[in-house]
Amino acid sequence: MFRQHHYRAWVYLLLSSIFIAQPLVNYAHADDIVPFTSDGCSVFPDGTLADNQLWLACCTAHDFDYWQGGTAKERLESDQRLKQCVANLGQPHIASLMLAGVRVGGSPYFPTTYRWGYGWPYPRDYQALSKQEKQQIQRVLKNQK
């Protein structure tokens, strides 16, 4: 009698641990980065009327930074590179306007598809990428090719 009760207790414990552990396993994978996507210049035109993709490459490079996320300093540097890229195309006024837009609208605190760190699940604050996160990014990029 004791053995049968003991056996049932072990089976109950085993099954309980499986049901408890499963959500934790799923949670561990909830922090995976999604494959890189770009929407161009988001809510801004990708170029002028004469050349409707004039600064699209600048925005795509900027999106790549935003997809990965990182520190507040890295975001500022990315935004400044966007401004410089567009200015180098002969559009300094547009570049300044774009900088103002991304500084206001690209915060990681807004649940948008173009926020800083949009490749990671929301919410994600400013934070340096860990070694494991950088490796994950490289794996995702390798698999996208």
C-alpha atoms as a PDB file:
ATOM      1  CA  MET A   1       0.000   0.000   0.000  1.00  0.00           C
ATOM      2  CA  PHE A   2       2.781   2.394   0.918  1.00  0.00           C
ATOM      3  CA  ARG A   3       4.599   1.751  -2.360  1.00  0.00           C
ATOM      4  CA  GLN A   4       1.500   2.472  -4.452  1.00  0.00           C
ATOM      5  CA  HIS A   5       0.931   5.757  -2.606  1.00  0.00           C
ATOM      6  CA  HIS A   6       4.615   6.629  -2.972  1.00  0.00           C
ATOM      7  CA  TYR A   7       4.463   5.873  -6.709  1.00  0.00           C
ATOM      8  CA  ARG A   8       1.385   8.086  -7.168  1.00  0.00           C
ATOM      9  CA  ALA A   9       3.095  10.932  -5.353  1.00  0.00           C
ATOM     10  CA  TRP A  10       6.092  10.714  -7.685  1.00  0.00           C
ATOM     11  CA  VAL A  11       3.890  10.623 -10.782  1.00  0.00           C
ATOM     12  CA  TYR A  12       1.932  13.620  -9.490  1.00  0.00           C
ATOM     13  CA  LEU A  13       5.158  15.499  -8.747  1.00  0.00           C
ATOM     14  CA  LEU A  14       6.576  14.706 -12.187  1.00  0.00           C
ATOM     15  CA  LEU A  15       3.448  15.771 -14.057  1.00  0.00           C
ATOM     16  CA  SER A  16       3.106  18.917 -11.959  1.00  0.00           C
ATOM     17  CA  SER A  17       6.688  19.932 -12.650  1.00  0.00           C
ATOM     18  CA  ILE A  18       6.172  19.479 -16.400  1.00  0.00           C
ATOM     19  CA  PHE A  19       3.121  21.752 -16.400  1.00  0.00           C
ATOM     20  CA  ILE A  20       4.877  24.322 -14.237  1.00  0.00           C
ATOM     21  CA  ALA A  21       8.112  24.267 -16.228  1.00  0.00           C
ATOM     22  CA  GLN A  22       6.517  24.512 -19.689  1.00  0.00           C
ATOM     23  CA  PRO A  23       5.517  28.193 -19.383  1.00  0.00           C
ATOM     24  CA  LEU A  24       9.009  28.975 -18.112  1.00  0.00           C
ATOM     25  CA  VAL A  25      10.547  27.330 -21.178  1.00  0.00           C
ATOM     26  CA  ASN A  26       8.226  29.323 -23.430  1.00  0.00           C
ATOM     27  CA  TYR A  27       9.079  32.504 -21.529  1.00  0.00           C
ATOM     28  CA  ALA A  28      12.789  31.938 -22.126  1.00  0.00           C
ATOM     29  CA  HIS A  29      12.158  32.026 -25.874  1.00  0.00           C
ATOM     30  CA  ALA A  30       9.935  35.100 -25.636  1.00  0.00           C
ATOM     31  CA  ASP A  31      13.035  37.293 -25.630  1.00  0.00           C
ATOM     32  CA  ASP A  32      14.179  36.209 -29.085  1.00  0.00           C
ATOM     33  CA  ILE A  33      14.741  38.892 -31.689  1.00  0.00           C
ATOM     34  CA  VAL A  34      12.549  38.698 -34.784  1.00  0.00           C
ATOM     35  CA  PRO A  35      14.121  38.753 -38.273  1.00  0.00           C
ATOM     36  CA  PHE A  36      15.160  42.183 -39.544  1.00  0.00           C
ATOM     37  CA  THR A  37      12.539  44.171 -41.402  1.00  0.00           C
ATOM     38  CA  SER A  38      12.516  47.743 -42.617  1.00  0.00           C
ATOM     39  CA  ASP A  39       9.569  49.955 -43.467  1.00  0.00           C
ATOM     40  CA  GLY A  40      11.793  52.502 -45.141  1.00  0.00           C
ATOM     41  CA  CYS A  41      11.445  55.906 -43.545  1.00  0.00           C
ATOM     42  CA  SER A  42       8.447  54.829 -41.434  1.00  0.00           C
ATOM     43  CA  VAL A  43       5.958  57.709 -41.383  1.00  0.00           C
ATOM     44  CA  PHE A  44       8.220  59.959 -43.487  1.00  0.00           C
ATOM     45  CA  PRO A  45       8.640  59.943 -47.297  1.00  0.00           C
ATOM     46  CA  ASP A  46      11.517  57.820 -48.633  1.00  0.00           C
ATOM     47  CA  GLY A  47      12.622  60.646 -50.928  1.00  0.00           C
ATOM     48  CA  THR A  48      11.558  63.685 -52.915  1.00  0.00           C
ATOM     49  CA  LEU A  49       8.914  63.949 -55.631  1.00  0.00           C
ATOM     50  CA  ALA A  50      11.707  63.907 -58.217  1.00  0.00           C
ATOM     51  CA  ASP A  51      13.499  60.914 -56.628  1.00  0.00           C
ATOM     52  CA  ASN A  52      11.077  59.028 -54.413  1.00  0.00           C
ATOM     53  CA  GLN A  53      13.803  56.812 -52.899  1.00  0.00           C
ATOM     54  CA  LEU A  54      16.535  59.414 -52.492  1.00  0.00           C
ATOM     55  CA  TRP A  55      17.263  58.742 -48.812  1.00  0.00           C
ATOM     56  CA  LEU A  56      15.717  55.266 -48.497  1.00  0.00           C
ATOM     57  CA  ALA A  57      19.142  53.647 -48.007  1.00  0.00           C
ATOM     58  CA  CYS A  58      19.790  56.057 -45.117  1.00  0.00           C
ATOM     59  CA  CYS A  59      16.516  54.999 -43.484  1.00  0.00           C
ATOM     60  CA  THR A  60      17.196  51.299 -44.018  1.00  0.00           C
ATOM     61  CA  ALA A  61      20.589  51.587 -42.308  1.00  0.00           C
ATOM     62  CA  HIS A  62      18.891  53.533 -39.503  1.00  0.00           C
ATOM     63  CA  ASP A  63      16.211  50.838 -39.215  1.00  0.00           C
ATOM     64  CA  PHE A  64      18.929  48.211 -38.856  1.00  0.00           C
ATOM     65  CA  ASP A  65      20.251  50.052 -35.800  1.00  0.00           C
ATOM     66  CA  TYR A  66      16.751  50.516 -34.397  1.00  0.00           C
ATOM     67  CA  TRP A  67      15.909  46.847 -34.920  1.00  0.00           C
ATOM     68  CA  GLN A  68      18.852  45.825 -32.715  1.00  0.00           C
ATOM     69  CA  GLY A  69      18.441  48.509 -30.077  1.00  0.00           C
ATOM     70  CA  GLY A  70      21.096  49.224 -27.480  1.00  0.00           C
ATOM     71  CA  THR A  71      21.979  52.139 -25.246  1.00  0.00           C
ATOM     72  CA  ALA A  72      20.629  55.696 -25.373  1.00  0.00           C
ATOM     73  CA  LYS A  73      24.053  56.828 -26.596  1.00  0.00           C
ATOM     74  CA  GLU A  74      23.935  54.309 -29.459  1.00  0.00           C
ATOM     75  CA  ARG A  75      20.479  55.556 -30.428  1.00  0.00           C
ATOM     76  CA  LEU A  76      21.675  59.167 -30.516  1.00  0.00           C
ATOM     77  CA  GLU A  77      24.664  58.149 -32.658  1.00  0.00           C
ATOM     78  CA  SER A  78      22.365  56.260 -35.045  1.00  0.00           C
ATOM     79  CA  ASP A  79      20.040  59.255 -35.321  1.00  0.00           C
ATOM     80  CA  GLN A  80      22.983  61.542 -36.039  1.00  0.00           C
ATOM     81  CA  ARG A  81      24.229  59.147 -38.760  1.00  0.00           C
ATOM     82  CA  LEU A  82      20.765  59.286 -40.349  1.00  0.00           C
ATOM     83  CA  LYS A  83      20.876  63.079 -40.324  1.00  0.00           C
ATOM     84  CA  GLN A  84      24.373  63.129 -41.833  1.00  0.00           C
ATOM     85  CA  CYS A  85      23.448  60.571 -44.502  1.00  0.00           C
ATOM     86  CA  VAL A  86      20.449  62.615 -45.670  1.00  0.00           C
ATOM     87  CA  ALA A  87      22.419  65.883 -45.483  1.00  0.00           C
ATOM     88  CA  ASN A  88      25.152  64.308 -47.644  1.00  0.00           C
ATOM     89  CA  LEU A  89      22.494  63.804 -50.325  1.00  0.00           C
ATOM     90  CA  GLY A  90      22.055  67.581 -50.486  1.00  0.00           C
ATOM     91  CA  GLN A  91      19.061  67.742 -48.157  1.00  0.00           C
ATOM     92  CA  PRO A  92      20.263  69.409 -44.920  1.00  0.00           C
ATOM     93  CA  HIS A  93      16.839  70.849 -44.014  1.00  0.00           C
ATOM     94  CA  ILE A  94      15.099  67.509 -44.536  1.00  0.00           C
ATOM     95  CA  ALA A  95      17.889  65.887 -42.494  1.00  0.00           C
ATOM     96  CA  SER A  96      17.224  68.216 -39.542  1.00  0.00           C
ATOM     97  CA  LEU A  97      13.496  67.564 -39.777  1.00  0.00           C
ATOM     98  CA  MET A  98      14.087  63.805 -39.832  1.00  0.00           C
ATOM     99  CA  LEU A  99      16.386  64.034 -36.814  1.00  0.00           C
ATOM    100  CA  ALA A 100      13.701  65.859 -34.839  1.00  0.00           C
ATOM    101  CA  GLY A 101      11.142  63.231 -35.848  1.00  0.00           C
ATOM    102  CA  VAL A 102      13.205  60.203 -34.862  1.00  0.00           C
ATOM    103  CA  ARG A 103      14.291  61.783 -31.590  1.00  0.00           C
ATOM    104  CA  VAL A 104      10.648  62.267 -30.584  1.00  0.00           C
ATOM    105  CA  GLY A 105       8.994  59.262 -32.216  1.00  0.00           C
ATOM    106  CA  GLY A 106      11.664  56.573 -31.920  1.00  0.00           C
ATOM    107  CA  SER A 107      11.656  56.180 -28.161  1.00  0.00           C
ATOM    108  CA  PRO A 108      11.769  52.596 -26.868  1.00  0.00           C
ATOM    109  CA  TYR A 109       8.882  53.478 -24.544  1.00  0.00           C
ATOM    110  CA  PHE A 110       6.291  53.712 -27.326  1.00  0.00           C
ATOM    111  CA  PRO A 111       4.813  50.389 -28.504  1.00  0.00           C
ATOM    112  CA  THR A 112       5.390  51.164 -32.188  1.00  0.00           C
ATOM    113  CA  THR A 113       6.850  49.083 -34.998  1.00  0.00           C
ATOM    114  CA  TYR A 114       9.655  51.630 -35.403  1.00  0.00           C
ATOM    115  CA  ARG A 115      10.725  52.132 -31.773  1.00  0.00           C
ATOM    116  CA  TRP A 116      14.315  51.728 -30.615  1.00  0.00           C
ATOM    117  CA  GLY A 117      14.868  47.972 -30.238  1.00  0.00           C
ATOM    118  CA  TYR A 118      11.773  47.026 -32.264  1.00  0.00           C
ATOM    119  CA  GLY A 119      13.233  43.615 -33.071  1.00  0.00           C
ATOM    120  CA  TRP A 120      12.860  42.584 -29.433  1.00  0.00           C
ATOM    121  CA  PRO A 121       9.581  42.037 -27.582  1.00  0.00           C
ATOM    122  CA  TYR A 122       8.033  45.176 -26.086  1.00  0.00           C
ATOM    123  CA  PRO A 123       8.820  46.633 -23.625  1.00  0.00           C
ATOM    124  CA  ARG A 124      12.573  46.888 -23.891  1.00  0.00           C
ATOM    125  CA  ASP A 125      14.382  49.792 -22.302  1.00  0.00           C
ATOM    126  CA  TYR A 126      17.721  51.238 -23.343  1.00  0.00           C
ATOM    127  CA  GLN A 127      20.313  48.600 -22.560  1.00  0.00           C
ATOM    128  CA  ALA A 128      23.586  47.404 -23.973  1.00  0.00           C
ATOM    129  CA  LEU A 129      23.302  44.247 -26.016  1.00  0.00           C
ATOM    130  CA  SER A 130      24.670  41.236 -24.174  1.00  0.00           C
ATOM    131  CA  LYS A 131      27.117  38.848 -25.790  1.00  0.00           C
ATOM    132  CA  GLN A 132      24.296  36.303 -26.152  1.00  0.00           C
ATOM    133  CA  GLU A 133      22.013  38.893 -27.794  1.00  0.00           C
ATOM    134  CA  LYS A 134      24.739  39.864 -30.267  1.00  0.00           C
ATOM    135  CA  GLN A 135      25.220  36.188 -31.124  1.00  0.00           C
ATOM    136  CA  GLN A 136      21.475  35.793 -31.571  1.00  0.00           C
ATOM    137  CA  ILE A 137      21.426  38.780 -33.945  1.00  0.00           C
ATOM    138  CA  GLN A 138      24.226  37.237 -36.006  1.00  0.00           C
ATOM    139  CA  ARG A 139      22.359  33.902 -36.203  1.00  0.00           C
ATOM    140  CA  VAL A 140      19.152  35.619 -37.317  1.00  0.00           C
ATOM    141  CA  LEU A 141      21.002  37.607 -39.982  1.00  0.00           C
ATOM    142  CA  LYS A 142      22.818  34.510 -41.214  1.00  0.00           C
ATOM    143  CA  ASN A 143      19.508  32.653 -41.520  1.00  0.00           C
ATOM    144  CA  GLN A 144      17.913  35.585 -43.394  1.00  0.00           C
ATOM    145  CA  LYS A 145      20.450  35.449 -46.226  1.00  0.00           C
END
